[in-house]
Amino acid sequence: VGQDKLGNRYFRRNYGSKLREKRWVIYHGEPDGSSVTPEWQGWLTHTSKLPPTQDPPVVREWMIEHKPNASGTPQAYAPPGSSLEGHSEISDGSYEPWIPD
């Protein structure tokens, strides 16, 4: 049926008029559901009848590019000072823990 920007390929099989057609994706690289773009997700789940190749989505200027979820990968976001960054800040001695009376 088509291919998205990430290289995932989409297919369908029609079993006749009584059964709903089967739709599936073959992922490019590691199988990861978050790598399916929103327009193809809508088609895969039968939310839209036509694939994005036949009914392209409307792109608005405020929309951002789809990115797969990076959690659990080296590309995952780590805020400044996070232990996940691989280093920690050197203490300057200004921290005083609270000790109850």
N, C-alpha and C. Protein backbone atom coordinates (compact mmCIF):
# COMPACT_ATOMS: atom_id res chain seq x y z
N VAL A 1 0.83 -1.19 0.00
CA VAL A 1 0.00 0.00 0.00
C VAL A 1 0.87 1.24 0.00
N GLY A 2 1.93 1.22 0.84
CA GLY A 2 2.78 2.41 0.90
C GLY A 2 3.91 2.28 1.89
N GLN A 3 4.67 3.35 2.00
CA GLN A 3 5.83 3.42 2.88
C GLN A 3 5.87 4.81 3.50
N ASP A 4 6.25 4.89 4.80
CA ASP A 4 6.32 6.19 5.45
C ASP A 4 7.75 6.75 5.43
N LYS A 5 7.93 7.94 6.04
CA LYS A 5 9.23 8.62 6.03
C LYS A 5 10.30 7.84 6.78
N LEU A 6 9.89 6.98 7.72
CA LEU A 6 10.84 6.21 8.52
C LEU A 6 11.21 4.88 7.88
N GLY A 7 10.63 4.57 6.73
CA GLY A 7 10.96 3.34 6.02
C GLY A 7 10.05 2.17 6.35
N ASN A 8 9.05 2.36 7.20
CA ASN A 8 8.09 1.30 7.50
C ASN A 8 7.21 1.06 6.27
N ARG A 9 6.89 -0.21 6.00
CA ARG A 9 6.07 -0.55 4.84
C ARG A 9 4.71 -1.07 5.31
N TYR A 10 3.66 -0.66 4.62
CA TYR A 10 2.29 -0.97 5.02
C TYR A 10 1.59 -1.81 3.95
N PHE A 11 0.80 -2.78 4.44
CA PHE A 11 0.15 -3.74 3.56
C PHE A 11 -1.30 -3.94 3.97
N ARG A 12 -2.08 -4.51 3.04
CA ARG A 12 -3.46 -4.88 3.37
C ARG A 12 -3.84 -6.12 2.56
N ARG A 13 -4.81 -6.85 3.10
CA ARG A 13 -5.36 -8.01 2.39
C ARG A 13 -6.87 -7.96 2.58
N ASN A 14 -7.58 -8.06 1.48
CA ASN A 14 -9.04 -8.03 1.51
C ASN A 14 -9.54 -9.46 1.43
N TYR A 15 -10.38 -9.86 2.40
CA TYR A 15 -10.90 -11.23 2.46
C TYR A 15 -12.29 -11.37 1.87
N GLY A 16 -12.79 -10.35 1.23
CA GLY A 16 -14.13 -10.40 0.66
C GLY A 16 -15.03 -9.38 1.34
N SER A 17 -16.27 -9.36 0.94
CA SER A 17 -17.18 -8.32 1.42
C SER A 17 -17.63 -8.52 2.86
N LYS A 18 -17.63 -9.76 3.37
CA LYS A 18 -18.14 -10.00 4.72
C LYS A 18 -17.11 -9.73 5.82
N LEU A 19 -15.85 -9.83 5.51
CA LEU A 19 -14.81 -9.64 6.52
C LEU A 19 -14.07 -8.32 6.29
N ARG A 20 -13.72 -7.70 7.38
CA ARG A 20 -12.95 -6.46 7.30
C ARG A 20 -11.53 -6.78 6.82
N GLU A 21 -10.97 -5.92 5.98
CA GLU A 21 -9.63 -6.19 5.46
C GLU A 21 -8.60 -6.15 6.58
N LYS A 22 -7.54 -6.93 6.41
CA LYS A 22 -6.45 -6.96 7.38
C LYS A 22 -5.39 -5.95 6.94
N ARG A 23 -4.90 -5.16 7.89
CA ARG A 23 -3.87 -4.16 7.62
C ARG A 23 -2.71 -4.39 8.58
N TRP A 24 -1.48 -4.29 8.07
CA TRP A 24 -0.32 -4.48 8.93
C TRP A 24 0.86 -3.69 8.43
N VAL A 25 1.88 -3.62 9.31
CA VAL A 25 3.10 -2.87 9.02
C VAL A 25 4.29 -3.80 9.19
N ILE A 26 5.28 -3.63 8.32
CA ILE A 26 6.59 -4.27 8.50
C ILE A 26 7.55 -3.13 8.79
N TYR A 27 8.09 -3.16 10.01
CA TYR A 27 8.94 -2.07 10.49
C TYR A 27 10.29 -2.05 9.80
N HIS A 28 10.81 -0.86 9.63
CA HIS A 28 12.18 -0.67 9.14
C HIS A 28 13.08 -0.72 10.37
N GLY A 29 13.89 -1.74 10.50
CA GLY A 29 14.74 -1.88 11.68
C GLY A 29 13.99 -2.57 12.81
N GLU A 30 14.25 -2.12 14.04
CA GLU A 30 13.63 -2.72 15.22
C GLU A 30 12.11 -2.51 15.21
N PRO A 31 11.34 -3.54 15.54
CA PRO A 31 9.89 -3.34 15.62
C PRO A 31 9.52 -2.47 16.81
N ASP A 32 8.94 -1.33 16.55
CA ASP A 32 8.59 -0.37 17.60
C ASP A 32 7.32 0.35 17.18
N GLY A 33 6.24 0.11 17.90
CA GLY A 33 4.95 0.71 17.57
C GLY A 33 4.97 2.22 17.53
N SER A 34 5.87 2.84 18.30
CA SER A 34 5.91 4.31 18.31
C SER A 34 6.55 4.88 17.05
N SER A 35 7.10 4.01 16.20
CA SER A 35 7.69 4.51 14.96
C SER A 35 6.65 4.64 13.83
N VAL A 36 5.41 4.25 14.11
CA VAL A 36 4.33 4.42 13.13
C VAL A 36 3.83 5.86 13.21
N THR A 37 3.83 6.56 12.09
CA THR A 37 3.40 7.96 12.07
C THR A 37 1.89 8.04 12.30
N PRO A 38 1.39 9.17 12.82
CA PRO A 38 -0.04 9.29 13.15
C PRO A 38 -0.97 9.00 11.98
N GLU A 39 -0.63 9.49 10.79
CA GLU A 39 -1.53 9.25 9.65
C GLU A 39 -1.62 7.77 9.29
N TRP A 40 -0.52 7.03 9.40
CA TRP A 40 -0.55 5.60 9.13
C TRP A 40 -1.20 4.85 10.28
N GLN A 41 -1.04 5.31 11.51
CA GLN A 41 -1.71 4.67 12.65
C GLN A 41 -3.22 4.72 12.47
N GLY A 42 -3.72 5.85 12.01
CA GLY A 42 -5.16 5.98 11.76
C GLY A 42 -5.64 4.99 10.72
N TRP A 43 -4.84 4.77 9.70
CA TRP A 43 -5.22 3.81 8.66
C TRP A 43 -5.13 2.37 9.18
N LEU A 44 -4.06 2.05 9.93
CA LEU A 44 -3.89 0.69 10.46
C LEU A 44 -5.04 0.28 11.36
N THR A 45 -5.56 1.22 12.14
CA THR A 45 -6.62 0.92 13.11
C THR A 45 -8.01 1.13 12.53
N HIS A 46 -8.10 1.30 11.22
CA HIS A 46 -9.38 1.46 10.50
C HIS A 46 -10.11 2.74 10.90
N THR A 47 -9.39 3.73 11.42
CA THR A 47 -10.00 5.03 11.70
C THR A 47 -10.25 5.76 10.39
N SER A 48 -9.34 5.61 9.44
CA SER A 48 -9.53 6.19 8.12
C SER A 48 -9.60 5.07 7.08
N LYS A 49 -10.45 5.26 6.09
CA LYS A 49 -10.63 4.23 5.06
C LYS A 49 -9.49 4.21 4.06
N LEU A 50 -9.00 5.40 3.71
CA LEU A 50 -7.96 5.49 2.69
C LEU A 50 -6.59 5.66 3.33
N PRO A 51 -5.55 5.02 2.76
CA PRO A 51 -4.20 5.22 3.29
C PRO A 51 -3.70 6.63 2.97
N PRO A 52 -2.70 7.11 3.71
CA PRO A 52 -2.18 8.46 3.48
C PRO A 52 -1.64 8.68 2.07
N THR A 53 -1.32 7.61 1.36
CA THR A 53 -0.86 7.75 -0.02
C THR A 53 -1.99 8.21 -0.94
N GLN A 54 -3.24 7.88 -0.58
CA GLN A 54 -4.40 8.27 -1.38
C GLN A 54 -5.13 9.48 -0.81
N ASP A 55 -4.98 9.71 0.49
CA ASP A 55 -5.63 10.84 1.17
C ASP A 55 -4.60 11.50 2.09
N PRO A 56 -3.71 12.33 1.53
CA PRO A 56 -2.63 12.92 2.33
C PRO A 56 -3.18 13.79 3.47
N PRO A 57 -2.51 13.75 4.63
CA PRO A 57 -2.97 14.55 5.77
C PRO A 57 -2.72 16.04 5.54
N VAL A 58 -3.53 16.86 6.19
CA VAL A 58 -3.34 18.30 6.14
C VAL A 58 -2.21 18.64 7.10
N VAL A 59 -1.20 19.36 6.62
CA VAL A 59 -0.06 19.73 7.46
C VAL A 59 -0.21 21.19 7.85
N ARG A 60 -0.26 21.44 9.14
CA ARG A 60 -0.39 22.80 9.67
C ARG A 60 0.99 23.29 10.11
N GLU A 61 1.18 24.61 10.13
CA GLU A 61 2.50 25.16 10.47
C GLU A 61 2.89 24.89 11.91
N TRP A 62 1.92 24.68 12.80
CA TRP A 62 2.21 24.44 14.20
C TRP A 62 2.52 22.98 14.51
N MET A 63 2.35 22.10 13.54
CA MET A 63 2.61 20.68 13.76
C MET A 63 4.11 20.40 13.76
N ILE A 64 4.54 19.46 14.62
CA ILE A 64 5.95 19.08 14.66
C ILE A 64 6.12 17.71 14.01
N GLU A 65 7.33 17.43 13.60
CA GLU A 65 7.66 16.16 12.95
C GLU A 65 7.52 15.01 13.95
N HIS A 66 6.95 13.89 13.51
CA HIS A 66 6.80 12.72 14.38
C HIS A 66 8.16 12.08 14.62
N LYS A 67 8.42 11.73 15.89
CA LYS A 67 9.64 11.01 16.26
C LYS A 67 9.24 9.79 17.09
N PRO A 68 9.90 8.65 16.87
CA PRO A 68 9.61 7.48 17.71
C PRO A 68 10.00 7.76 19.16
N ASN A 69 9.37 7.04 20.09
CA ASN A 69 9.68 7.18 21.51
C ASN A 69 11.11 6.69 21.76
N ALA A 70 11.94 7.52 22.37
CA ALA A 70 13.34 7.18 22.60
C ALA A 70 13.60 6.65 24.00
N SER A 71 12.57 6.49 24.82
CA SER A 71 12.76 5.97 26.19
C SER A 71 13.47 4.63 26.15
N GLY A 72 14.43 4.46 27.04
CA GLY A 72 15.16 3.20 27.11
C GLY A 72 16.26 3.07 26.09
N THR A 73 16.53 4.11 25.34
CA THR A 73 17.61 4.09 24.35
C THR A 73 18.64 5.15 24.71
N PRO A 74 19.82 5.09 24.12
CA PRO A 74 20.82 6.13 24.38
C PRO A 74 20.37 7.52 23.94
N GLN A 75 19.36 7.61 23.07
CA GLN A 75 18.87 8.91 22.60
C GLN A 75 17.80 9.51 23.52
N ALA A 76 17.48 8.83 24.61
CA ALA A 76 16.44 9.32 25.53
C ALA A 76 16.87 10.64 26.16
N TYR A 77 15.90 11.50 26.42
CA TYR A 77 16.17 12.80 27.03
C TYR A 77 16.60 12.63 28.48
N ALA A 78 17.63 13.35 28.87
CA ALA A 78 18.07 13.41 30.26
C ALA A 78 18.27 14.88 30.60
N PRO A 79 17.55 15.40 31.60
CA PRO A 79 17.68 16.81 31.94
C PRO A 79 19.07 17.12 32.49
N PRO A 80 19.47 18.39 32.46
CA PRO A 80 20.79 18.76 32.98
C PRO A 80 20.95 18.32 34.43
N GLY A 81 22.10 17.73 34.74
CA GLY A 81 22.38 17.26 36.09
C GLY A 81 21.88 15.86 36.37
N SER A 82 21.20 15.24 35.42
CA SER A 82 20.66 13.90 35.62
C SER A 82 21.79 12.89 35.70
N SER A 83 21.61 11.87 36.54
CA SER A 83 22.62 10.81 36.63
C SER A 83 22.65 10.00 35.34
N LEU A 84 21.62 10.11 34.52
CA LEU A 84 21.58 9.39 33.25
C LEU A 84 22.49 10.01 32.20
N GLU A 85 22.97 11.22 32.47
CA GLU A 85 23.88 11.87 31.52
C GLU A 85 25.27 11.25 31.56
N GLY A 86 25.55 10.45 32.57
CA GLY A 86 26.85 9.80 32.66
C GLY A 86 27.84 10.53 33.55
N HIS A 87 27.49 11.67 34.07
CA HIS A 87 28.35 12.39 35.01
C HIS A 87 27.48 13.14 35.99
N SER A 88 28.06 13.50 37.11
CA SER A 88 27.30 14.29 38.08
C SER A 88 28.10 15.53 38.43
N GLU A 89 27.38 16.53 38.89
CA GLU A 89 28.02 17.79 39.26
C GLU A 89 28.84 17.59 40.54
N ILE A 90 29.96 18.28 40.62
CA ILE A 90 30.79 18.22 41.82
C ILE A 90 30.16 19.12 42.87
N SER A 91 30.04 18.57 44.08
CA SER A 91 29.43 19.33 45.17
C SER A 91 30.35 20.46 45.60
N ASP A 92 29.76 21.64 45.84
CA ASP A 92 30.56 22.78 46.31
C ASP A 92 30.47 22.95 47.82
N GLY A 93 29.79 22.01 48.50
CA GLY A 93 29.71 22.05 49.96
C GLY A 93 28.62 22.96 50.49
N SER A 94 27.80 23.55 49.64
CA SER A 94 26.78 24.48 50.11
C SER A 94 25.51 23.78 50.59
N TYR A 95 25.39 22.50 50.35
CA TYR A 95 24.18 21.78 50.76
C TYR A 95 24.26 21.43 52.23
N GLU A 96 23.21 21.75 52.97
CA GLU A 96 23.12 21.40 54.39
C GLU A 96 21.85 20.59 54.59
N PRO A 97 21.98 19.31 54.94
CA PRO A 97 20.78 18.50 55.13
C PRO A 97 20.00 18.96 56.35
N TRP A 98 18.69 18.80 56.30
CA TRP A 98 17.84 19.14 57.44
C TRP A 98 17.93 18.04 58.48
N ILE A 99 18.17 18.41 59.71
CA ILE A 99 18.24 17.45 60.81
C ILE A 99 17.17 17.85 61.83
N PRO A 100 16.18 16.99 62.05
CA PRO A 100 15.11 17.36 63.00
C PRO A 100 15.64 17.46 64.43
N ASP A 101 15.04 18.33 65.23
CA ASP A 101 15.46 18.49 66.64
C ASP A 101 14.98 17.36 67.50
